Each structure stands twice: as structure tokens, then as C-alpha cells.
């Protein structure tokens, strides 16, 4: 697989990563099976998807334990990204950016992942009760201690700018400017997909201008862009899509023209090409610093997603994607 670099440290990863969250968090709990998920991670690594993206809150903790089962055997094949800064309670999630907590959480993640170093340690969310410079400073000390190789900021869900009348990612860019004064940011993880392209406006160019890697979260629109979801089929109560405005039967039906367009492009490139691969190839075409991180718990999909790295969209293809109708329905 094509290799891409993250940050000024030129950390190399496969062009398509693997999001591990669906294996133990947020999607269809009844379908989460550890052994099947382990096979998915192995399949991704075999296909060249070296970046494994997890977090201590997924599960919580069980996702890191699952990834650790694979790392115990194949640490040299993987680039490990995990996150810190969110605590999961019975009915709520809260931020914790206290320096002491960050250091303890890192040690706990290292144990669960069965490794002595985390390649990319991301701040999951800013703690409003703690100056972000203090949190980031503690994370920088972990780099200096040899427990972490590089730092990143997770901007998924950072939508406050829209409500205040500013740009969608203005607050994130402001945060990035602050932490950059403390220690370099190697990567930013934020939503980017054919039906949620807002990061193209300011956040992605900001990262590119500074040599910061961009990890595209939810690149398949939480599964919608794969064309495998049926409007009205419904979701399990613990599935995040059961509460998302874009996943009502009405909105899924209204947004089908996007999938139809991706399917048409896929057919043009070959009978074996999928809409999901076209959606990922579109992201890869946005810049050499961009790495899509599609999530899955199935080996088949992990392998198919990895194959998107070999798909080259033409300028005409990209123009056709740009001409697809915008997504209908709020994403907030």
C-alpha cells in the first residue's frame, strides 16, 4: 500500500487506516464479537492499513484491550493511535485534562495495548476546567519520557463555531494555535467525507500549510456511503445512528442520490469497485497529508477499504463527486 507521512517527524503509515471503535463502542452492540474483530485488525495489517485508531473511552477500555491482543503478536507492523481526555460514566461523558490524570491514563493505555510506546497520542477533548496548555504540556512530557512518539488533537464533534456564527472549525484552529506554542501537533483527526466535506474549507488547508497530518474520521458517513444501509431498517438502541437526524428513514431516503452517484462512479472503474472505495479514494485525493480512517469490525470490509488506496480518481471523477447533491438533514 502507498505510504503517507504524519507531521514534521515524518511518521509513516499506510494511506488508509483502520478505525477500531465499532468493534466495541457506539455501533450495534449485539454484533460485536472479539474474535471477529481481531481478524479484522489482522486483515487490515496484512493489507497495509498500519494505522490502528482507538481510544481509552471506547468500551470503555475494552477496545484497547482488543487491539492489544493483536499488538502482542504484531507490534512492528502497526502504527498505534489512541486518545485521552474523556471519562465514561453510566449516563454521561466528561472531559478530564488534568496533567496527573493524563499521565496515569497513558500508563494504563500502554498496559492494555501491550506496548511500551504509543505512536500517536491524541487529546480527545479539551477540558473546560483545565487550561489546554497544561494538558498538552503533560502530554509533551510523555513524549520526552519515551512513552509517546507524537501528539495529535481529535476535533471530531467540534461544531461550536457553526452555532456561534463562525466557521465550523474556527474554535479548533484556535485551540491548535495555542497548543502549538507548547509542543508540535503532528496530526488532527476530524470528520471528512463526501457528505460532510466542511473540513475542506479551513481546517484541512490549515493543517497542510503546517505539515500536520489529517486523519479523516467517519470517511464513510457512519456507513451510509457504503450503500449497504436500507432506509427504514432501523438501528439497535445503543447504535449512535439511532439518534442521528441524518439516519431517520426520511433523511436516508432523501440522501440516496449521493450513494447512487458513488455507485455510478464505482461501476465505471470496474465491477469489483465499491461505493465505499470511491468515497475513500475521494478523501485520498484531497492531499498527501490526508489519511482516511474508516471504522469496521469485519475483516472483509477492512480488506476492501484498504484496497481503496489503489483506486485513482480522474479529474472528471472528482468533478462528478463535487457535483453530487449536498447532504440533507442536520448533522448536529
C-alpha atoms as a PDB file:
ATOM      1  CA  UNK A   1       0.000   0.000   0.000  1.00  0.00           C
ATOM      2  CA  UNK A   2       1.031   3.580  -0.608  1.00  0.00           C
ATOM      3  CA  UNK A   3       2.637   5.155   2.460  1.00  0.00           C
ATOM      4  CA  UNK A   4       1.910   8.617   3.794  1.00  0.00           C
ATOM      5  CA  UNK A   5       3.596  10.694   6.485  1.00  0.00           C
ATOM      6  CA  UNK A   6       2.207  12.297   9.624  1.00  0.00           C
ATOM      7  CA  UNK A   7       3.653  15.515  10.988  1.00  0.00           C
ATOM      8  CA  UNK A   8       7.101  17.035  10.941  1.00  0.00           C
ATOM      9  CA  UNK A   9       8.541  13.822  12.356  1.00  0.00           C
ATOM     10  CA  UNK A  10       7.659  12.069   9.081  1.00  0.00           C
ATOM     11  CA  UNK A  11       5.940   9.144  10.790  1.00  0.00           C
ATOM     12  CA  UNK A  12       4.945   6.699   8.055  1.00  0.00           C
ATOM     13  CA  UNK A  13       1.575   4.959   7.856  1.00  0.00           C
ATOM     14  CA  UNK A  14      -0.459   3.154   5.214  1.00  0.00           C
ATOM     15  CA  UNK A  15      -2.601   5.558   3.169  1.00  0.00           C
ATOM     16  CA  UNK A  16      -5.809   4.036   4.584  1.00  0.00           C
ATOM     17  CA  UNK A  17      -6.082   3.403   8.331  1.00  0.00           C
ATOM     18  CA  UNK A  18      -8.433   1.322  10.467  1.00  0.00           C
ATOM     19  CA  UNK A  19     -10.883   2.822  12.948  1.00  0.00           C
ATOM     20  CA  UNK A  20     -11.336   0.301  15.748  1.00  0.00           C
ATOM     21  CA  UNK A  21     -14.192   1.998  17.624  1.00  0.00           C
ATOM     22  CA  UNK A  22     -17.052  -0.048  16.030  1.00  0.00           C
ATOM     23  CA  UNK A  23     -15.511  -3.212  17.437  1.00  0.00           C
ATOM     24  CA  UNK A  24     -16.594  -2.321  20.963  1.00  0.00           C
ATOM     25  CA  UNK A  25     -18.404   1.019  21.056  1.00  0.00           C
ATOM     26  CA  UNK A  26     -21.280   3.018  19.533  1.00  0.00           C
ATOM     27  CA  UNK A  27     -22.436   0.579  16.833  1.00  0.00           C
ATOM     28  CA  UNK A  28     -24.783  -2.432  17.141  1.00  0.00           C
ATOM     29  CA  UNK A  29     -23.630  -3.972  20.409  1.00  0.00           C
ATOM     30  CA  UNK A  30     -25.186  -7.358  19.636  1.00  0.00           C
ATOM     31  CA  UNK A  31     -22.911  -7.720  16.608  1.00  0.00           C
ATOM     32  CA  UNK A  32     -19.648  -7.051  18.437  1.00  0.00           C
ATOM     33  CA  UNK A  33     -17.547 -10.205  18.598  1.00  0.00           C
ATOM     34  CA  UNK A  34     -13.978 -10.100  19.836  1.00  0.00           C
ATOM     35  CA  UNK A  35     -12.546 -12.872  17.679  1.00  0.00           C
ATOM     36  CA  UNK A  36     -14.093 -11.459  14.521  1.00  0.00           C
ATOM     37  CA  UNK A  37     -12.736  -8.023  15.356  1.00  0.00           C
ATOM     38  CA  UNK A  38      -9.266  -9.425  15.947  1.00  0.00           C
ATOM     39  CA  UNK A  39      -9.411 -10.994  12.492  1.00  0.00           C
ATOM     40  CA  UNK A  40     -10.397  -7.586  11.094  1.00  0.00           C
ATOM     41  CA  UNK A  41      -7.298  -5.970  12.641  1.00  0.00           C
ATOM     42  CA  UNK A  42      -5.060  -8.728  11.294  1.00  0.00           C
ATOM     43  CA  UNK A  43      -6.674  -8.372   7.867  1.00  0.00           C
ATOM     44  CA  UNK A  44      -6.107  -4.627   7.861  1.00  0.00           C
ATOM     45  CA  UNK A  45      -2.439  -5.031   8.787  1.00  0.00           C
ATOM     46  CA  UNK A  46      -1.990  -7.703   6.127  1.00  0.00           C
ATOM     47  CA  UNK A  47      -3.417  -5.279   3.556  1.00  0.00           C
ATOM     48  CA  UNK A  48      -1.106  -2.431   4.608  1.00  0.00           C
ATOM     49  CA  UNK A  49      -3.503  -0.437   6.805  1.00  0.00           C
ATOM     50  CA  UNK A  50      -0.948   0.091   9.541  1.00  0.00           C
ATOM     51  CA  UNK A  51      -2.648   2.938  11.443  1.00  0.00           C
ATOM     52  CA  UNK A  52      -4.899   1.491  14.148  1.00  0.00           C
ATOM     53  CA  UNK A  53      -7.069   4.181  15.731  1.00  0.00           C
ATOM     54  CA  UNK A  54      -8.521   3.516  19.190  1.00  0.00           C
ATOM     55  CA  UNK A  55      -9.196   5.355  22.482  1.00  0.00           C
ATOM     56  CA  UNK A  56      -9.343   4.526  26.172  1.00  0.00           C
ATOM     57  CA  UNK A  57     -13.028   5.569  26.302  1.00  0.00           C
ATOM     58  CA  UNK A  58     -14.145   3.041  23.673  1.00  0.00           C
ATOM     59  CA  UNK A  59     -15.776   0.312  25.696  1.00  0.00           C
ATOM     60  CA  UNK A  60     -14.550   1.903  27.907  1.00  0.00           C
ATOM     61  CA  UNK A  61     -11.122   0.258  27.855  1.00  0.00           C
ATOM     62  CA  UNK A  62     -12.179  -2.912  26.016  1.00  0.00           C
ATOM     63  CA  UNK A  63     -11.194  -1.541  22.610  1.00  0.00           C
ATOM     64  CA  UNK A  64      -7.591  -1.002  23.689  1.00  0.00           C
ATOM     65  CA  UNK A  65      -7.550  -4.489  25.196  1.00  0.00           C
ATOM     66  CA  UNK A  66      -8.744  -5.933  21.897  1.00  0.00           C
ATOM     67  CA  UNK A  67      -6.127  -4.037  19.873  1.00  0.00           C
ATOM     68  CA  UNK A  68      -3.538  -5.138  22.419  1.00  0.00           C
ATOM     69  CA  UNK A  69      -4.249  -8.785  21.575  1.00  0.00           C
ATOM     70  CA  UNK A  70      -3.014  -8.113  18.057  1.00  0.00           C
ATOM     71  CA  UNK A  71      -0.145  -5.834  19.056  1.00  0.00           C
ATOM     72  CA  UNK A  72       1.247  -8.558  21.312  1.00  0.00           C
ATOM     73  CA  UNK A  73       1.966 -10.531  18.142  1.00  0.00           C
ATOM     74  CA  UNK A  74       2.457  -7.801  15.541  1.00  0.00           C
ATOM     75  CA  UNK A  75       3.659  -4.591  17.172  1.00  0.00           C
ATOM     76  CA  UNK A  76       6.234  -3.960  14.444  1.00  0.00           C
ATOM     77  CA  UNK A  77       3.515  -4.000  11.764  1.00  0.00           C
ATOM     78  CA  UNK A  78       1.301  -1.375  13.388  1.00  0.00           C
ATOM     79  CA  UNK A  79       1.165   2.371  13.989  1.00  0.00           C
ATOM     80  CA  UNK A  80      -0.882   2.840  17.157  1.00  0.00           C
ATOM     81  CA  UNK A  81      -3.052   5.897  17.762  1.00  0.00           C
ATOM     82  CA  UNK A  82      -5.044   6.181  20.967  1.00  0.00           C
ATOM     83  CA  UNK A  83      -6.730   9.034  22.803  1.00  0.00           C
ATOM     84  CA  UNK A  84      -7.047  10.524  26.263  1.00  0.00           C
ATOM     85  CA  UNK A  85      -9.256  13.113  27.918  1.00  0.00           C
ATOM     86  CA  UNK A  86     -12.747  11.636  28.175  1.00  0.00           C
ATOM     87  CA  UNK A  87     -14.256   9.605  31.004  1.00  0.00           C
ATOM     88  CA  UNK A  88     -17.356   7.471  30.532  1.00  0.00           C
ATOM     89  CA  UNK A  89     -19.981   7.298  33.289  1.00  0.00           C
ATOM     90  CA  UNK A  90     -23.285   5.485  33.477  1.00  0.00           C
ATOM     91  CA  UNK A  91     -25.232   8.115  31.544  1.00  0.00           C
ATOM     92  CA  UNK A  92     -22.666  10.740  30.646  1.00  0.00           C
ATOM     93  CA  UNK A  93     -19.218  11.506  29.258  1.00  0.00           C
ATOM     94  CA  UNK A  94     -16.994  14.139  30.871  1.00  0.00           C
ATOM     95  CA  UNK A  95     -13.651  15.639  29.940  1.00  0.00           C
ATOM     96  CA  UNK A  96     -10.600  15.288  32.164  1.00  0.00           C
ATOM     97  CA  UNK A  97      -7.467  17.131  31.137  1.00  0.00           C
ATOM     98  CA  UNK A  98      -5.703  17.293  34.485  1.00  0.00           C
ATOM     99  CA  UNK A  99      -1.983  16.600  33.987  1.00  0.00           C
ATOM    100  CA  UNK A 100      -1.818  13.909  36.664  1.00  0.00           C
ATOM    101  CA  UNK A 101      -4.740  12.070  35.128  1.00  0.00           C
ATOM    102  CA  UNK A 102      -3.251  12.266  31.623  1.00  0.00           C
ATOM    103  CA  UNK A 103      -0.038  10.606  32.791  1.00  0.00           C
ATOM    104  CA  UNK A 104      -1.874   7.834  34.659  1.00  0.00           C
ATOM    105  CA  UNK A 105      -4.168   7.260  31.696  1.00  0.00           C
ATOM    106  CA  UNK A 106      -1.197   6.904  29.368  1.00  0.00           C
ATOM    107  CA  UNK A 107       0.364   4.233  31.578  1.00  0.00           C
ATOM    108  CA  UNK A 108      -2.958   2.383  31.671  1.00  0.00           C
ATOM    109  CA  UNK A 109      -3.282   2.549  27.879  1.00  0.00           C
ATOM    110  CA  UNK A 110       0.236   1.193  27.452  1.00  0.00           C
ATOM    111  CA  UNK A 111      -0.654  -1.792  29.644  1.00  0.00           C
ATOM    112  CA  UNK A 112      -3.881  -2.530  27.797  1.00  0.00           C
ATOM    113  CA  UNK A 113      -2.240  -2.155  24.397  1.00  0.00           C
ATOM    114  CA  UNK A 114       0.647  -4.395  25.479  1.00  0.00           C
ATOM    115  CA  UNK A 115       3.257  -1.998  24.130  1.00  0.00           C
ATOM    116  CA  UNK A 116       5.949   0.242  25.561  1.00  0.00           C
ATOM    117  CA  UNK A 117       5.233   3.216  23.281  1.00  0.00           C
ATOM    118  CA  UNK A 118       2.186   4.867  21.689  1.00  0.00           C
ATOM    119  CA  UNK A 119       2.908   6.204  18.208  1.00  0.00           C
ATOM    120  CA  UNK A 120       0.277   8.969  18.269  1.00  0.00           C
ATOM    121  CA  UNK A 121      -1.378  10.142  21.483  1.00  0.00           C
ATOM    122  CA  UNK A 122      -4.399  12.325  20.833  1.00  0.00           C
ATOM    123  CA  UNK A 123      -6.278  14.699  23.104  1.00  0.00           C
ATOM    124  CA  UNK A 124      -9.862  13.514  22.698  1.00  0.00           C
ATOM    125  CA  UNK A 125     -11.481  16.716  24.013  1.00  0.00           C
ATOM    126  CA  UNK A 126     -10.387  19.881  25.778  1.00  0.00           C
ATOM    127  CA  UNK A 127     -11.305  20.033  29.459  1.00  0.00           C
ATOM    128  CA  UNK A 128     -13.069  23.367  30.052  1.00  0.00           C
ATOM    129  CA  UNK A 129     -11.860  23.315  33.668  1.00  0.00           C
ATOM    130  CA  UNK A 130      -8.160  22.984  32.779  1.00  0.00           C
ATOM    131  CA  UNK A 131      -6.096  25.304  30.529  1.00  0.00           C
ATOM    132  CA  UNK A 132      -5.339  23.243  27.437  1.00  0.00           C
ATOM    133  CA  UNK A 133      -1.703  24.304  27.658  1.00  0.00           C
ATOM    134  CA  UNK A 134      -1.412  22.374  30.933  1.00  0.00           C
ATOM    135  CA  UNK A 135      -2.968  19.257  29.439  1.00  0.00           C
ATOM    136  CA  UNK A 136      -0.784  19.466  26.342  1.00  0.00           C
ATOM    137  CA  UNK A 137       2.290  20.093  28.468  1.00  0.00           C
ATOM    138  CA  UNK A 138       1.660  16.844  30.338  1.00  0.00           C
ATOM    139  CA  UNK A 139       1.287  15.028  27.023  1.00  0.00           C
ATOM    140  CA  UNK A 140       4.563  16.570  25.832  1.00  0.00           C
ATOM    141  CA  UNK A 141       6.283  15.200  28.922  1.00  0.00           C
ATOM    142  CA  UNK A 142       5.138  11.735  27.868  1.00  0.00           C
ATOM    143  CA  UNK A 143       6.983  12.229  24.579  1.00  0.00           C
ATOM    144  CA  UNK A 144      10.086  13.299  26.444  1.00  0.00           C
ATOM    145  CA  UNK A 145       9.763  10.211  28.659  1.00  0.00           C
ATOM    146  CA  UNK A 146       9.711   7.948  25.596  1.00  0.00           C
ATOM    147  CA  UNK A 147       6.167   6.682  26.220  1.00  0.00           C
ATOM    148  CA  UNK A 148       4.695   8.533  23.222  1.00  0.00           C
ATOM    149  CA  UNK A 149       6.179   9.358  19.826  1.00  0.00           C
ATOM    150  CA  UNK A 150       3.907  12.193  18.646  1.00  0.00           C
ATOM    151  CA  UNK A 151       0.851  14.196  19.705  1.00  0.00           C
ATOM    152  CA  UNK A 152      -2.454  14.822  17.976  1.00  0.00           C
ATOM    153  CA  UNK A 153      -5.732  16.609  18.549  1.00  0.00           C
ATOM    154  CA  UNK A 154      -9.090  14.988  17.950  1.00  0.00           C
ATOM    155  CA  UNK A 155     -11.570  17.542  16.582  1.00  0.00           C
ATOM    156  CA  UNK A 156     -14.485  15.185  15.923  1.00  0.00           C
ATOM    157  CA  UNK A 157     -17.634  16.823  17.235  1.00  0.00           C
ATOM    158  CA  UNK A 158     -16.077  20.306  17.323  1.00  0.00           C
ATOM    159  CA  UNK A 159     -19.105  22.105  15.891  1.00  0.00           C
ATOM    160  CA  UNK A 160     -19.464  25.091  18.206  1.00  0.00           C
ATOM    161  CA  UNK A 161     -18.346  27.571  15.547  1.00  0.00           C
ATOM    162  CA  UNK A 162     -21.425  26.935  13.424  1.00  0.00           C
ATOM    163  CA  UNK A 163     -23.772  27.778  16.271  1.00  0.00           C
ATOM    164  CA  UNK A 164     -21.909  30.966  17.100  1.00  0.00           C
ATOM    165  CA  UNK A 165     -21.976  32.160  13.513  1.00  0.00           C
ATOM    166  CA  UNK A 166     -18.306  31.467  12.757  1.00  0.00           C
ATOM    167  CA  UNK A 167     -16.662  28.826  10.651  1.00  0.00           C
ATOM    168  CA  UNK A 168     -17.249  25.223  11.613  1.00  0.00           C
ATOM    169  CA  UNK A 169     -13.664  24.671  12.749  1.00  0.00           C
ATOM    170  CA  UNK A 170     -12.698  28.157  13.956  1.00  0.00           C
ATOM    171  CA  UNK A 171     -12.609  27.022  17.585  1.00  0.00           C
ATOM    172  CA  UNK A 172     -10.481  24.007  16.697  1.00  0.00           C
ATOM    173  CA  UNK A 173      -7.965  26.124  14.806  1.00  0.00           C
ATOM    174  CA  UNK A 174      -7.787  28.495  17.752  1.00  0.00           C
ATOM    175  CA  UNK A 175      -7.078  25.552  20.046  1.00  0.00           C
ATOM    176  CA  UNK A 176      -4.415  24.238  17.681  1.00  0.00           C
ATOM    177  CA  UNK A 177      -2.656  27.597  17.661  1.00  0.00           C
ATOM    178  CA  UNK A 178      -2.495  27.529  21.458  1.00  0.00           C
ATOM    179  CA  UNK A 179      -1.108  24.018  21.843  1.00  0.00           C
ATOM    180  CA  UNK A 180       1.392  24.525  19.012  1.00  0.00           C
ATOM    181  CA  UNK A 181       3.104  27.065  21.270  1.00  0.00           C
ATOM    182  CA  UNK A 182       3.719  24.293  23.808  1.00  0.00           C
ATOM    183  CA  UNK A 183       4.644  21.300  21.644  1.00  0.00           C
ATOM    184  CA  UNK A 184       4.211  20.464  17.937  1.00  0.00           C
ATOM    185  CA  UNK A 185       0.946  18.950  16.723  1.00  0.00           C
ATOM    186  CA  UNK A 186       1.631  16.002  14.413  1.00  0.00           C
ATOM    187  CA  UNK A 187      -1.948  15.143  13.448  1.00  0.00           C
ATOM    188  CA  UNK A 188      -5.533  16.351  13.645  1.00  0.00           C
ATOM    189  CA  UNK A 189      -8.429  13.923  13.496  1.00  0.00           C
ATOM    190  CA  UNK A 190     -11.704  15.378  12.248  1.00  0.00           C
ATOM    191  CA  UNK A 191     -14.737  14.349  10.260  1.00  0.00           C
ATOM    192  CA  UNK A 192     -14.349  14.411   6.486  1.00  0.00           C
ATOM    193  CA  UNK A 193     -16.442  12.591   3.900  1.00  0.00           C
ATOM    194  CA  UNK A 194     -18.329  13.090   0.668  1.00  0.00           C
ATOM    195  CA  UNK A 195     -21.437  14.049   2.640  1.00  0.00           C
ATOM    196  CA  UNK A 196     -19.598  16.028   5.347  1.00  0.00           C
ATOM    197  CA  UNK A 197     -16.881  17.963   3.475  1.00  0.00           C
ATOM    198  CA  UNK A 198     -16.753  21.018   5.769  1.00  0.00           C
ATOM    199  CA  UNK A 199     -13.130  20.423   6.831  1.00  0.00           C
ATOM    200  CA  UNK A 200     -12.034  21.287   3.278  1.00  0.00           C
ATOM    201  CA  UNK A 201     -12.939  24.913   3.895  1.00  0.00           C
ATOM    202  CA  UNK A 202     -10.379  25.828   6.549  1.00  0.00           C
ATOM    203  CA  UNK A 203      -9.162  23.026   8.822  1.00  0.00           C
ATOM    204  CA  UNK A 204      -7.586  20.778   6.195  1.00  0.00           C
ATOM    205  CA  UNK A 205      -5.741  23.663   4.438  1.00  0.00           C
ATOM    206  CA  UNK A 206      -4.544  24.917   7.827  1.00  0.00           C
ATOM    207  CA  UNK A 207      -3.032  21.514   8.577  1.00  0.00           C
ATOM    208  CA  UNK A 208      -1.493  21.165   5.116  1.00  0.00           C
ATOM    209  CA  UNK A 209       0.230  24.546   5.365  1.00  0.00           C
ATOM    210  CA  UNK A 210       1.930  23.439   8.583  1.00  0.00           C
ATOM    211  CA  UNK A 211       2.871  19.872   7.650  1.00  0.00           C
ATOM    212  CA  UNK A 212       0.289  18.411  10.032  1.00  0.00           C
ATOM    213  CA  UNK A 213      -1.277  15.073   9.161  1.00  0.00           C
ATOM    214  CA  UNK A 214      -5.056  14.945   8.774  1.00  0.00           C
ATOM    215  CA  UNK A 215      -6.871  11.799   9.898  1.00  0.00           C
ATOM    216  CA  UNK A 216     -10.289  11.745   8.229  1.00  0.00           C
ATOM    217  CA  UNK A 217     -12.775  10.352  10.732  1.00  0.00           C
ATOM    218  CA  UNK A 218     -16.125   8.907   9.641  1.00  0.00           C
ATOM    219  CA  UNK A 219     -14.968   8.870   5.984  1.00  0.00           C
ATOM    220  CA  UNK A 220     -17.857   6.572   5.024  1.00  0.00           C
ATOM    221  CA  UNK A 221     -20.520   8.680   6.715  1.00  0.00           C
ATOM    222  CA  UNK A 222     -21.069   6.208   9.567  1.00  0.00           C
ATOM    223  CA  UNK A 223     -21.762   3.530   6.974  1.00  0.00           C
ATOM    224  CA  UNK A 224     -24.208   5.478   4.819  1.00  0.00           C
ATOM    225  CA  UNK A 225     -21.791   5.974   1.922  1.00  0.00           C
ATOM    226  CA  UNK A 226     -21.176   2.234   1.619  1.00  0.00           C
ATOM    227  CA  UNK A 227     -24.629   1.804   0.102  1.00  0.00           C
ATOM    228  CA  UNK A 228     -25.304  -1.177   2.371  1.00  0.00           C
ATOM    229  CA  UNK A 229     -27.845   0.509   4.672  1.00  0.00           C
ATOM    230  CA  UNK A 230     -31.562   0.304   3.950  1.00  0.00           C
ATOM    231  CA  UNK A 231     -33.742   3.345   4.801  1.00  0.00           C
ATOM    232  CA  UNK A 232     -36.289   2.409   7.436  1.00  0.00           C
ATOM    233  CA  UNK A 233     -34.489  -0.744   8.513  1.00  0.00           C
ATOM    234  CA  UNK A 234     -33.744   0.842  11.876  1.00  0.00           C
ATOM    235  CA  UNK A 235     -30.834   0.560  14.303  1.00  0.00           C
ATOM    236  CA  UNK A 236     -30.306  -1.045  17.674  1.00  0.00           C
ATOM    237  CA  UNK A 237     -30.963   1.325  20.620  1.00  0.00           C
ATOM    238  CA  UNK A 238     -27.262   1.505  21.555  1.00  0.00           C
ATOM    239  CA  UNK A 239     -26.252   2.406  17.985  1.00  0.00           C
ATOM    240  CA  UNK A 240     -25.345   6.101  17.703  1.00  0.00           C
ATOM    241  CA  UNK A 241     -27.182   6.273  14.365  1.00  0.00           C
ATOM    242  CA  UNK A 242     -30.495   5.550  16.101  1.00  0.00           C
ATOM    243  CA  UNK A 243     -30.396   9.148  17.412  1.00  0.00           C
ATOM    244  CA  UNK A 244     -28.792  10.936  14.453  1.00  0.00           C
ATOM    245  CA  UNK A 245     -31.033  13.213  12.353  1.00  0.00           C
ATOM    246  CA  UNK A 246     -29.432  12.040   9.110  1.00  0.00           C
ATOM    247  CA  UNK A 247     -30.329   8.415   9.832  1.00  0.00           C
ATOM    248  CA  UNK A 248     -34.073   8.754  10.052  1.00  0.00           C
ATOM    249  CA  UNK A 249     -35.820   6.755   7.323  1.00  0.00           C
ATOM    250  CA  UNK A 250     -36.888  10.010   5.664  1.00  0.00           C
ATOM    251  CA  UNK A 251     -33.420  11.547   5.547  1.00  0.00           C
ATOM    252  CA  UNK A 252     -31.723   8.317   4.478  1.00  0.00           C
ATOM    253  CA  UNK A 253     -34.143   8.092   1.559  1.00  0.00           C
ATOM    254  CA  UNK A 254     -33.615  11.765   0.703  1.00  0.00           C
ATOM    255  CA  UNK A 255     -29.822  11.307   0.607  1.00  0.00           C
ATOM    256  CA  UNK A 256     -29.834   8.227  -1.626  1.00  0.00           C
ATOM    257  CA  UNK A 257     -28.781  10.292  -4.696  1.00  0.00           C
ATOM    258  CA  UNK A 258     -25.334  10.629  -3.072  1.00  0.00           C
ATOM    259  CA  UNK A 259     -24.973   6.852  -2.878  1.00  0.00           C
ATOM    260  CA  UNK A 260     -26.321   6.453  -6.412  1.00  0.00           C
ATOM    261  CA  UNK A 261     -23.617   8.823  -7.656  1.00  0.00           C
ATOM    262  CA  UNK A 262     -20.864   6.926  -5.846  1.00  0.00           C
ATOM    263  CA  UNK A 263     -22.214   3.637  -7.169  1.00  0.00           C
ATOM    264  CA  UNK A 264     -22.198   5.002 -10.728  1.00  0.00           C
ATOM    265  CA  UNK A 265     -18.572   6.068 -10.393  1.00  0.00           C
ATOM    266  CA  UNK A 266     -17.607   2.705  -8.882  1.00  0.00           C
ATOM    267  CA  UNK A 267     -19.137   0.819 -11.809  1.00  0.00           C
ATOM    268  CA  UNK A 268     -17.106   2.944 -14.201  1.00  0.00           C
ATOM    269  CA  UNK A 269     -13.889   1.782 -12.538  1.00  0.00           C
ATOM    270  CA  UNK A 270     -14.759  -1.920 -12.512  1.00  0.00           C
ATOM    271  CA  UNK A 271     -17.290  -4.470 -11.401  1.00  0.00           C
ATOM    272  CA  UNK A 272     -15.389  -5.140  -8.170  1.00  0.00           C
ATOM    273  CA  UNK A 273     -15.108  -1.477  -7.128  1.00  0.00           C
ATOM    274  CA  UNK A 274     -17.493  -0.405  -4.351  1.00  0.00           C
ATOM    275  CA  UNK A 275     -19.100   2.952  -3.476  1.00  0.00           C
ATOM    276  CA  UNK A 276     -17.126   2.875  -0.221  1.00  0.00           C
ATOM    277  CA  UNK A 277     -13.851   2.631  -2.131  1.00  0.00           C
ATOM    278  CA  UNK A 278     -14.808   5.610  -4.275  1.00  0.00           C
ATOM    279  CA  UNK A 279     -15.652   7.610  -1.136  1.00  0.00           C
ATOM    280  CA  UNK A 280     -12.263   6.755   0.373  1.00  0.00           C
ATOM    281  CA  UNK A 281     -10.392   7.476  -2.870  1.00  0.00           C
ATOM    282  CA  UNK A 282     -12.042  10.914  -2.933  1.00  0.00           C
ATOM    283  CA  UNK A 283     -10.595  11.619   0.518  1.00  0.00           C
ATOM    284  CA  UNK A 284      -7.152  10.366  -0.500  1.00  0.00           C
ATOM    285  CA  UNK A 285      -7.253  12.789  -3.431  1.00  0.00           C
ATOM    286  CA  UNK A 286      -7.620  15.775  -1.078  1.00  0.00           C
ATOM    287  CA  UNK A 287      -3.921  15.844  -0.226  1.00  0.00           C
ATOM    288  CA  UNK A 288      -0.856  13.756   0.537  1.00  0.00           C
ATOM    289  CA  UNK A 289      -1.219  14.554   4.231  1.00  0.00           C
ATOM    290  CA  UNK A 290      -4.730  13.048   4.435  1.00  0.00           C
ATOM    291  CA  UNK A 291      -5.344   9.536   5.796  1.00  0.00           C
ATOM    292  CA  UNK A 292      -8.927   8.231   5.910  1.00  0.00           C
ATOM    293  CA  UNK A 293      -9.656   6.077   8.955  1.00  0.00           C
ATOM    294  CA  UNK A 294     -12.763   4.009   8.150  1.00  0.00           C
ATOM    295  CA  UNK A 295     -14.120   2.008  11.061  1.00  0.00           C
ATOM    296  CA  UNK A 296     -15.237  -1.587  10.818  1.00  0.00           C
ATOM    297  CA  UNK A 297     -15.360  -4.797  12.819  1.00  0.00           C
ATOM    298  CA  UNK A 298     -15.367  -7.122   9.796  1.00  0.00           C
ATOM    299  CA  UNK A 299     -12.263  -8.450   8.048  1.00  0.00           C
ATOM    300  CA  UNK A 300     -13.986  -8.316   4.655  1.00  0.00           C
ATOM    301  CA  UNK A 301     -14.698  -4.600   4.907  1.00  0.00           C
ATOM    302  CA  UNK A 302     -11.259  -3.829   6.333  1.00  0.00           C
ATOM    303  CA  UNK A 303      -9.640  -5.504   3.328  1.00  0.00           C
ATOM    304  CA  UNK A 304     -11.947  -3.775   0.849  1.00  0.00           C
ATOM    305  CA  UNK A 305     -11.333  -0.405   2.474  1.00  0.00           C
ATOM    306  CA  UNK A 306      -7.574  -0.909   2.260  1.00  0.00           C
ATOM    307  CA  UNK A 307      -7.876  -1.612  -1.465  1.00  0.00           C
ATOM    308  CA  UNK A 308      -9.197   1.920  -1.979  1.00  0.00           C
ATOM    309  CA  UNK A 309      -5.592   3.133  -1.752  1.00  0.00           C
ATOM    310  CA  UNK A 310      -5.019   1.707  -5.240  1.00  0.00           C
ATOM    311  CA  UNK A 311      -8.035   3.457  -6.783  1.00  0.00           C
ATOM    312  CA  UNK A 312      -7.165   6.635  -8.675  1.00  0.00           C
ATOM    313  CA  UNK A 313      -9.995   9.020  -9.431  1.00  0.00           C
ATOM    314  CA  UNK A 314      -9.626  11.188 -12.535  1.00  0.00           C
ATOM    315  CA  UNK A 315     -10.210  14.953 -12.542  1.00  0.00           C
ATOM    316  CA  UNK A 316     -13.555  14.204 -14.211  1.00  0.00           C
ATOM    317  CA  UNK A 317     -14.408  11.759 -11.407  1.00  0.00           C
ATOM    318  CA  UNK A 318     -13.581  14.352  -8.760  1.00  0.00           C
ATOM    319  CA  UNK A 319     -15.679  16.946 -10.551  1.00  0.00           C
ATOM    320  CA  UNK A 320     -18.565  14.485 -10.637  1.00  0.00           C
ATOM    321  CA  UNK A 321     -18.297  13.911  -6.880  1.00  0.00           C
ATOM    322  CA  UNK A 322     -18.216  17.667  -6.341  1.00  0.00           C
ATOM    323  CA  UNK A 323     -21.420  17.911  -8.342  1.00  0.00           C
ATOM    324  CA  UNK A 324     -23.330  15.431  -6.186  1.00  0.00           C
ATOM    325  CA  UNK A 325     -26.187  16.954  -4.169  1.00  0.00           C
ATOM    326  CA  UNK A 326     -25.316  18.148  -0.699  1.00  0.00           C
ATOM    327  CA  UNK A 327     -26.465  16.039   2.225  1.00  0.00           C
ATOM    328  CA  UNK A 328     -29.911  16.820   3.582  1.00  0.00           C
ATOM    329  CA  UNK A 329     -30.705  16.832   7.276  1.00  0.00           C
ATOM    330  CA  UNK A 330     -28.899  18.318  10.238  1.00  0.00           C
ATOM    331  CA  UNK A 331     -25.740  16.624  11.486  1.00  0.00           C
ATOM    332  CA  UNK A 332     -25.899  18.406  14.837  1.00  0.00           C
END
